[in-house]
Amino acid sequence: MNDAALSVMFNIAEGFLRRRDGETRQFLRYSFASNGELKSGYYAADGRKYLKPSETTDLIELNERIAKMLRRWQATLEAEEPRRGRSKRQARTKDQGRTMDQGRTKDQGRTKDQGRTKNQGPGTDQEPST
């Protein structure tokens, strides 16, 4: 439990000192995971009666507050990140988000003859020659 508790703190420090959002986020994930490991340790210690129930409650409450802080910090880094194309989570599957009619197709809106003849081009006011 001591190692997990130190890992939370050390990973926060290391991520912060990297000064790159992507690396900071990664170390915050490590820290969050170590915090979860520590929480499991609290439950194990409680089950073995190493802690009083009130101590367990206080420690778990503190642990959850730390987890929320880590997630909020991580969310601020994700919000500031510029989007470069689609991420793996946003990748489109074959038909996702498509409808049958996605705008004008090659022949949509045209009839065989819209009054044009061989001698009259579009946008002219000339009568066709006979």
N, C-alpha and C. Protein backbone atom coordinates (compact mmCIF):
# COMPACT_ATOMS: atom_id res chain seq x y z
N MET A 1 0.83 -1.20 0.00
CA MET A 1 0.00 0.00 0.00
C MET A 1 0.87 1.25 0.00
N ASN A 2 1.99 1.17 0.69
CA ASN A 2 2.90 2.31 0.72
C ASN A 2 3.44 2.59 -0.68
N ASP A 3 3.81 1.52 -1.41
CA ASP A 3 4.33 1.71 -2.77
C ASP A 3 3.28 2.32 -3.68
N ALA A 4 2.02 1.87 -3.57
CA ALA A 4 0.95 2.42 -4.40
C ALA A 4 0.72 3.89 -4.07
N ALA A 5 0.74 4.22 -2.78
CA ALA A 5 0.52 5.61 -2.37
C ALA A 5 1.63 6.52 -2.91
N LEU A 6 2.87 6.03 -2.84
CA LEU A 6 3.98 6.82 -3.37
C LEU A 6 3.89 6.93 -4.89
N SER A 7 3.44 5.87 -5.54
CA SER A 7 3.31 5.88 -6.99
C SER A 7 2.32 6.94 -7.46
N VAL A 8 1.24 7.13 -6.72
CA VAL A 8 0.28 8.18 -7.06
C VAL A 8 1.01 9.52 -7.11
N MET A 9 1.71 9.84 -6.06
CA MET A 9 2.40 11.12 -5.95
C MET A 9 3.53 11.25 -6.98
N PHE A 10 4.34 10.22 -7.14
CA PHE A 10 5.47 10.29 -8.06
C PHE A 10 5.02 10.43 -9.51
N ASN A 11 3.95 9.73 -9.88
CA ASN A 11 3.46 9.83 -11.26
C ASN A 11 2.86 11.20 -11.55
N ILE A 12 2.20 11.80 -10.58
CA ILE A 12 1.71 13.17 -10.76
C ILE A 12 2.89 14.10 -11.01
N ALA A 13 3.91 13.99 -10.18
CA ALA A 13 5.08 14.85 -10.32
C ALA A 13 5.78 14.64 -11.65
N GLU A 14 5.99 13.39 -12.03
CA GLU A 14 6.69 13.11 -13.28
C GLU A 14 5.90 13.61 -14.48
N GLY A 15 4.59 13.38 -14.48
CA GLY A 15 3.76 13.86 -15.58
C GLY A 15 3.78 15.37 -15.70
N PHE A 16 3.70 16.05 -14.57
CA PHE A 16 3.72 17.52 -14.57
C PHE A 16 5.04 18.04 -15.11
N LEU A 17 6.13 17.40 -14.75
CA LEU A 17 7.45 17.87 -15.17
C LEU A 17 7.75 17.56 -16.64
N ARG A 18 6.99 16.69 -17.26
CA ARG A 18 7.20 16.39 -18.68
C ARG A 18 6.82 17.58 -19.57
N ARG A 19 5.90 18.41 -19.13
CA ARG A 19 5.49 19.63 -19.81
C ARG A 19 4.90 19.41 -21.21
N ARG A 20 4.40 18.24 -21.45
CA ARG A 20 3.67 17.94 -22.68
C ARG A 20 2.35 17.31 -22.27
N ASP A 21 1.27 17.82 -22.82
CA ASP A 21 -0.05 17.35 -22.40
C ASP A 21 -0.24 15.85 -22.56
N GLY A 22 0.24 15.31 -23.67
CA GLY A 22 0.08 13.88 -23.90
C GLY A 22 0.80 13.04 -22.84
N GLU A 23 2.02 13.44 -22.51
CA GLU A 23 2.76 12.70 -21.49
C GLU A 23 2.17 12.93 -20.11
N THR A 24 1.73 14.15 -19.84
CA THR A 24 1.10 14.43 -18.55
C THR A 24 -0.15 13.58 -18.38
N ARG A 25 -0.96 13.50 -19.45
CA ARG A 25 -2.17 12.65 -19.39
C ARG A 25 -1.81 11.20 -19.10
N GLN A 26 -0.75 10.70 -19.74
CA GLN A 26 -0.35 9.31 -19.53
C GLN A 26 0.03 9.08 -18.07
N PHE A 27 0.81 9.98 -17.50
CA PHE A 27 1.21 9.80 -16.11
C PHE A 27 0.04 10.01 -15.15
N LEU A 28 -0.92 10.82 -15.53
CA LEU A 28 -2.13 10.94 -14.72
C LEU A 28 -2.92 9.63 -14.75
N ARG A 29 -2.91 8.95 -15.88
CA ARG A 29 -3.56 7.63 -15.94
C ARG A 29 -2.84 6.63 -15.03
N TYR A 30 -1.52 6.66 -15.04
CA TYR A 30 -0.76 5.79 -14.14
C TYR A 30 -1.11 6.11 -12.69
N SER A 31 -1.16 7.39 -12.39
CA SER A 31 -1.47 7.82 -11.04
C SER A 31 -2.87 7.38 -10.62
N PHE A 32 -3.83 7.52 -11.54
CA PHE A 32 -5.21 7.10 -11.27
C PHE A 32 -5.26 5.60 -10.99
N ALA A 33 -4.51 4.83 -11.76
CA ALA A 33 -4.48 3.38 -11.57
C ALA A 33 -3.85 3.02 -10.22
N SER A 34 -2.78 3.70 -9.86
CA SER A 34 -2.15 3.45 -8.56
C SER A 34 -3.10 3.82 -7.43
N ASN A 35 -3.86 4.88 -7.62
CA ASN A 35 -4.84 5.28 -6.62
C ASN A 35 -5.91 4.19 -6.46
N GLY A 36 -6.31 3.59 -7.56
CA GLY A 36 -7.27 2.48 -7.50
C GLY A 36 -6.68 1.27 -6.79
N GLU A 37 -5.40 1.03 -7.03
CA GLU A 37 -4.71 -0.07 -6.35
C GLU A 37 -4.68 0.18 -4.84
N LEU A 38 -4.45 1.42 -4.47
CA LEU A 38 -4.44 1.79 -3.06
C LEU A 38 -5.81 1.58 -2.43
N LYS A 39 -6.86 1.95 -3.17
CA LYS A 39 -8.23 1.75 -2.68
C LYS A 39 -8.50 0.28 -2.43
N SER A 40 -8.05 -0.56 -3.32
CA SER A 40 -8.20 -2.01 -3.11
C SER A 40 -7.48 -2.46 -1.85
N GLY A 41 -6.33 -1.86 -1.61
CA GLY A 41 -5.58 -2.17 -0.38
C GLY A 41 -6.35 -1.78 0.87
N TYR A 42 -7.06 -0.66 0.80
CA TYR A 42 -7.88 -0.25 1.95
C TYR A 42 -8.97 -1.28 2.23
N TYR A 43 -9.60 -1.77 1.17
CA TYR A 43 -10.64 -2.78 1.36
C TYR A 43 -10.04 -4.07 1.93
N ALA A 44 -8.87 -4.44 1.45
CA ALA A 44 -8.22 -5.66 1.96
C ALA A 44 -7.84 -5.49 3.42
N ALA A 45 -7.30 -4.33 3.76
CA ALA A 45 -6.92 -4.07 5.15
C ALA A 45 -8.14 -4.06 6.06
N ASP A 46 -9.24 -3.53 5.56
CA ASP A 46 -10.48 -3.54 6.33
C ASP A 46 -10.97 -4.97 6.53
N GLY A 47 -10.92 -5.76 5.48
CA GLY A 47 -11.37 -7.15 5.58
C GLY A 47 -10.53 -7.97 6.55
N ARG A 48 -9.28 -7.64 6.69
CA ARG A 48 -8.40 -8.35 7.62
C ARG A 48 -8.38 -7.71 9.00
N LYS A 49 -9.19 -6.70 9.17
CA LYS A 49 -9.34 -6.01 10.45
C LYS A 49 -8.06 -5.28 10.89
N TYR A 50 -7.27 -4.82 9.88
CA TYR A 50 -6.09 -4.01 10.20
C TYR A 50 -6.50 -2.56 10.48
N LEU A 51 -7.67 -2.18 9.99
CA LEU A 51 -8.17 -0.82 10.15
C LEU A 51 -9.52 -0.84 10.86
N LYS A 52 -9.79 0.23 11.57
CA LYS A 52 -11.12 0.40 12.15
C LYS A 52 -12.07 0.79 11.02
N PRO A 53 -13.34 0.44 11.13
CA PRO A 53 -14.30 0.81 10.08
C PRO A 53 -14.31 2.32 9.79
N SER A 54 -14.17 3.13 10.80
CA SER A 54 -14.17 4.59 10.58
C SER A 54 -12.92 5.02 9.80
N GLU A 55 -11.78 4.37 10.06
CA GLU A 55 -10.55 4.68 9.31
C GLU A 55 -10.72 4.30 7.84
N THR A 56 -11.29 3.13 7.62
CA THR A 56 -11.52 2.67 6.25
C THR A 56 -12.41 3.65 5.50
N THR A 57 -13.49 4.08 6.13
CA THR A 57 -14.41 5.03 5.51
C THR A 57 -13.70 6.32 5.16
N ASP A 58 -12.92 6.84 6.08
CA ASP A 58 -12.19 8.10 5.83
C ASP A 58 -11.17 7.95 4.71
N LEU A 59 -10.43 6.84 4.72
CA LEU A 59 -9.40 6.63 3.70
C LEU A 59 -10.02 6.46 2.31
N ILE A 60 -11.11 5.73 2.23
CA ILE A 60 -11.76 5.53 0.93
C ILE A 60 -12.35 6.83 0.42
N GLU A 61 -12.92 7.62 1.32
CA GLU A 61 -13.46 8.93 0.91
C GLU A 61 -12.34 9.83 0.38
N LEU A 62 -11.21 9.85 1.06
CA LEU A 62 -10.06 10.63 0.58
C LEU A 62 -9.57 10.11 -0.76
N ASN A 63 -9.50 8.80 -0.89
CA ASN A 63 -9.06 8.17 -2.14
C ASN A 63 -9.96 8.58 -3.30
N GLU A 64 -11.26 8.58 -3.08
CA GLU A 64 -12.20 8.94 -4.14
C GLU A 64 -12.11 10.42 -4.49
N ARG A 65 -11.82 11.26 -3.52
CA ARG A 65 -11.62 12.69 -3.81
C ARG A 65 -10.38 12.89 -4.67
N ILE A 66 -9.33 12.14 -4.37
CA ILE A 66 -8.11 12.23 -5.18
C ILE A 66 -8.38 11.74 -6.60
N ALA A 67 -9.13 10.66 -6.73
CA ALA A 67 -9.48 10.13 -8.06
C ALA A 67 -10.24 11.18 -8.87
N LYS A 68 -11.17 11.88 -8.26
CA LYS A 68 -11.92 12.92 -8.96
C LYS A 68 -11.01 14.06 -9.40
N MET A 69 -10.07 14.44 -8.54
CA MET A 69 -9.13 15.50 -8.91
C MET A 69 -8.28 15.09 -10.11
N LEU A 70 -7.82 13.85 -10.10
CA LEU A 70 -7.00 13.37 -11.22
C LEU A 70 -7.80 13.38 -12.51
N ARG A 71 -9.04 12.91 -12.46
CA ARG A 71 -9.89 12.88 -13.66
C ARG A 71 -10.20 14.29 -14.16
N ARG A 72 -10.46 15.21 -13.26
CA ARG A 72 -10.73 16.59 -13.69
C ARG A 72 -9.50 17.21 -14.35
N TRP A 73 -8.33 16.97 -13.79
CA TRP A 73 -7.11 17.50 -14.39
C TRP A 73 -6.91 16.88 -15.77
N GLN A 74 -7.10 15.59 -15.85
CA GLN A 74 -6.96 14.90 -17.14
C GLN A 74 -7.95 15.46 -18.16
N ALA A 75 -9.17 15.74 -17.75
CA ALA A 75 -10.19 16.28 -18.66
C ALA A 75 -9.80 17.65 -19.18
N THR A 76 -9.14 18.47 -18.38
CA THR A 76 -8.73 19.79 -18.86
C THR A 76 -7.66 19.65 -19.94
N LEU A 77 -6.82 18.66 -19.82
CA LEU A 77 -5.79 18.45 -20.84
C LEU A 77 -6.40 17.93 -22.13
N GLU A 78 -7.40 17.08 -22.03
CA GLU A 78 -8.07 16.56 -23.22
C GLU A 78 -8.86 17.65 -23.92
N ALA A 79 -9.45 18.57 -23.17
CA ALA A 79 -10.25 19.65 -23.75
C ALA A 79 -9.37 20.63 -24.52
N GLU A 80 -8.13 20.81 -24.08
CA GLU A 80 -7.23 21.77 -24.73
C GLU A 80 -6.53 21.19 -25.94
N GLU A 81 -6.54 19.88 -26.08
CA GLU A 81 -5.81 19.22 -27.17
C GLU A 81 -6.45 19.53 -28.51
N PRO A 82 -5.68 20.04 -29.48
CA PRO A 82 -6.25 20.27 -30.81
C PRO A 82 -6.55 18.94 -31.48
N ARG A 83 -7.66 18.90 -32.19
CA ARG A 83 -8.06 17.67 -32.88
C ARG A 83 -7.34 17.58 -34.21
N ARG A 84 -6.74 16.46 -34.47
CA ARG A 84 -6.08 16.21 -35.75
C ARG A 84 -6.72 14.98 -36.37
N GLY A 85 -7.78 15.18 -37.11
CA GLY A 85 -8.45 14.05 -37.72
C GLY A 85 -9.23 13.26 -36.69
N ARG A 86 -9.52 12.06 -37.00
CA ARG A 86 -10.29 11.21 -36.10
C ARG A 86 -9.37 10.41 -35.21
N SER A 87 -9.76 10.28 -33.96
CA SER A 87 -9.03 9.40 -33.06
C SER A 87 -9.54 7.98 -33.27
N LYS A 88 -8.91 7.03 -32.63
CA LYS A 88 -9.34 5.64 -32.78
C LYS A 88 -10.77 5.47 -32.30
N ARG A 89 -11.16 6.20 -31.22
CA ARG A 89 -12.52 6.09 -30.72
C ARG A 89 -13.52 6.68 -31.68
N GLN A 90 -13.10 7.64 -32.51
CA GLN A 90 -14.02 8.32 -33.41
C GLN A 90 -14.03 7.71 -34.80
N ALA A 91 -13.23 6.68 -35.01
CA ALA A 91 -13.14 6.10 -36.35
C ALA A 91 -14.51 5.65 -36.83
N ARG A 92 -14.80 5.91 -38.06
CA ARG A 92 -16.11 5.59 -38.63
C ARG A 92 -16.11 4.16 -39.14
N THR A 93 -17.18 3.47 -38.85
CA THR A 93 -17.33 2.14 -39.42
C THR A 93 -17.92 2.29 -40.81
N LYS A 94 -18.08 1.22 -41.51
CA LYS A 94 -18.45 1.26 -42.91
C LYS A 94 -19.67 2.12 -43.21
N ASP A 95 -20.79 1.96 -42.49
CA ASP A 95 -22.00 2.70 -42.80
C ASP A 95 -22.42 3.67 -41.71
N GLN A 96 -21.62 3.86 -40.70
CA GLN A 96 -22.02 4.69 -39.57
C GLN A 96 -22.28 6.13 -39.98
N GLY A 97 -23.45 6.64 -39.63
CA GLY A 97 -23.76 8.04 -39.85
C GLY A 97 -24.15 8.39 -41.26
N ARG A 98 -24.31 7.43 -42.13
CA ARG A 98 -24.65 7.73 -43.51
C ARG A 98 -26.13 7.49 -43.74
N THR A 99 -26.70 8.28 -44.64
CA THR A 99 -28.10 8.08 -45.01
C THR A 99 -28.13 7.70 -46.48
N MET A 100 -29.29 7.30 -46.91
CA MET A 100 -29.42 6.89 -48.31
C MET A 100 -29.19 8.08 -49.24
N ASP A 101 -29.68 9.26 -48.89
CA ASP A 101 -29.54 10.43 -49.75
C ASP A 101 -28.56 11.40 -49.11
N GLN A 102 -27.38 11.49 -49.64
CA GLN A 102 -26.37 12.38 -49.08
C GLN A 102 -26.11 13.58 -49.97
N GLY A 103 -27.12 14.04 -50.65
CA GLY A 103 -26.92 15.20 -51.51
C GLY A 103 -27.08 14.80 -52.97
N ARG A 104 -26.70 15.67 -53.82
CA ARG A 104 -26.92 15.48 -55.24
C ARG A 104 -26.05 14.37 -55.80
N THR A 105 -26.68 13.50 -56.53
CA THR A 105 -25.94 12.47 -57.23
C THR A 105 -25.82 12.88 -58.68
N LYS A 106 -25.20 12.08 -59.48
CA LYS A 106 -24.92 12.41 -60.87
C LYS A 106 -26.17 12.83 -61.65
N ASP A 107 -27.26 12.10 -61.51
CA ASP A 107 -28.45 12.37 -62.31
C ASP A 107 -29.58 13.03 -61.52
N GLN A 108 -29.39 13.26 -60.25
CA GLN A 108 -30.47 13.79 -59.42
C GLN A 108 -30.86 15.20 -59.86
N GLY A 109 -32.18 15.42 -60.03
CA GLY A 109 -32.67 16.75 -60.36
C GLY A 109 -32.63 17.07 -61.83
N ARG A 110 -32.24 16.16 -62.67
CA ARG A 110 -32.18 16.41 -64.11
C ARG A 110 -33.18 15.52 -64.82
N THR A 111 -33.71 16.06 -65.88
CA THR A 111 -34.56 15.24 -66.75
C THR A 111 -33.78 14.98 -68.01
N LYS A 112 -34.35 14.16 -68.87
CA LYS A 112 -33.65 13.85 -70.11
C LYS A 112 -33.37 15.11 -70.92
N ASP A 113 -34.36 16.00 -70.98
CA ASP A 113 -34.20 17.19 -71.80
C ASP A 113 -34.75 18.37 -71.02
N GLN A 114 -33.91 19.33 -70.67
CA GLN A 114 -34.36 20.51 -69.95
C GLN A 114 -34.49 21.68 -70.91
N GLY A 115 -34.89 21.41 -72.13
CA GLY A 115 -35.06 22.47 -73.10
C GLY A 115 -33.79 22.78 -73.87
N ARG A 116 -32.76 22.03 -73.65
CA ARG A 116 -31.51 22.28 -74.35
C ARG A 116 -31.46 21.41 -75.60
N THR A 117 -30.92 21.96 -76.61
CA THR A 117 -30.69 21.19 -77.83
C THR A 117 -29.23 21.26 -78.15
N LYS A 118 -28.84 20.63 -79.20
CA LYS A 118 -27.44 20.61 -79.58
C LYS A 118 -26.90 22.02 -79.81
N ASN A 119 -27.73 22.92 -80.32
CA ASN A 119 -27.26 24.26 -80.66
C ASN A 119 -27.43 25.27 -79.53
N GLN A 120 -28.02 24.87 -78.44
CA GLN A 120 -28.24 25.83 -77.36
C GLN A 120 -27.55 25.32 -76.10
N GLY A 121 -26.64 26.09 -75.61
CA GLY A 121 -25.93 25.71 -74.40
C GLY A 121 -26.63 26.27 -73.18
N PRO A 122 -26.28 25.83 -72.03
CA PRO A 122 -26.90 26.34 -70.82
C PRO A 122 -26.55 27.81 -70.62
N GLY A 123 -27.53 28.55 -70.15
CA GLY A 123 -27.29 29.96 -69.85
C GLY A 123 -27.38 30.90 -71.03
N THR A 124 -27.82 30.40 -72.19
CA THR A 124 -27.96 31.31 -73.33
C THR A 124 -29.43 31.51 -73.59
N ASP A 125 -29.76 32.64 -74.19
CA ASP A 125 -31.16 32.94 -74.48
C ASP A 125 -31.48 32.70 -75.93
N GLN A 126 -30.62 32.01 -76.63
CA GLN A 126 -30.84 31.77 -78.05
C GLN A 126 -31.89 30.69 -78.24
N GLU A 127 -32.66 30.86 -79.29
CA GLU A 127 -33.60 29.82 -79.70
C GLU A 127 -32.82 28.79 -80.49
N PRO A 128 -33.17 27.56 -80.40
CA PRO A 128 -32.47 26.54 -81.19
C PRO A 128 -32.69 26.79 -82.67
N SER A 129 -31.66 26.58 -83.44
CA SER A 129 -31.78 26.78 -84.89
C SER A 129 -32.41 25.55 -85.50
N THR A 130 -33.17 25.76 -86.57
CA THR A 130 -33.85 24.65 -87.22
C THR A 130 -33.29 24.39 -88.59
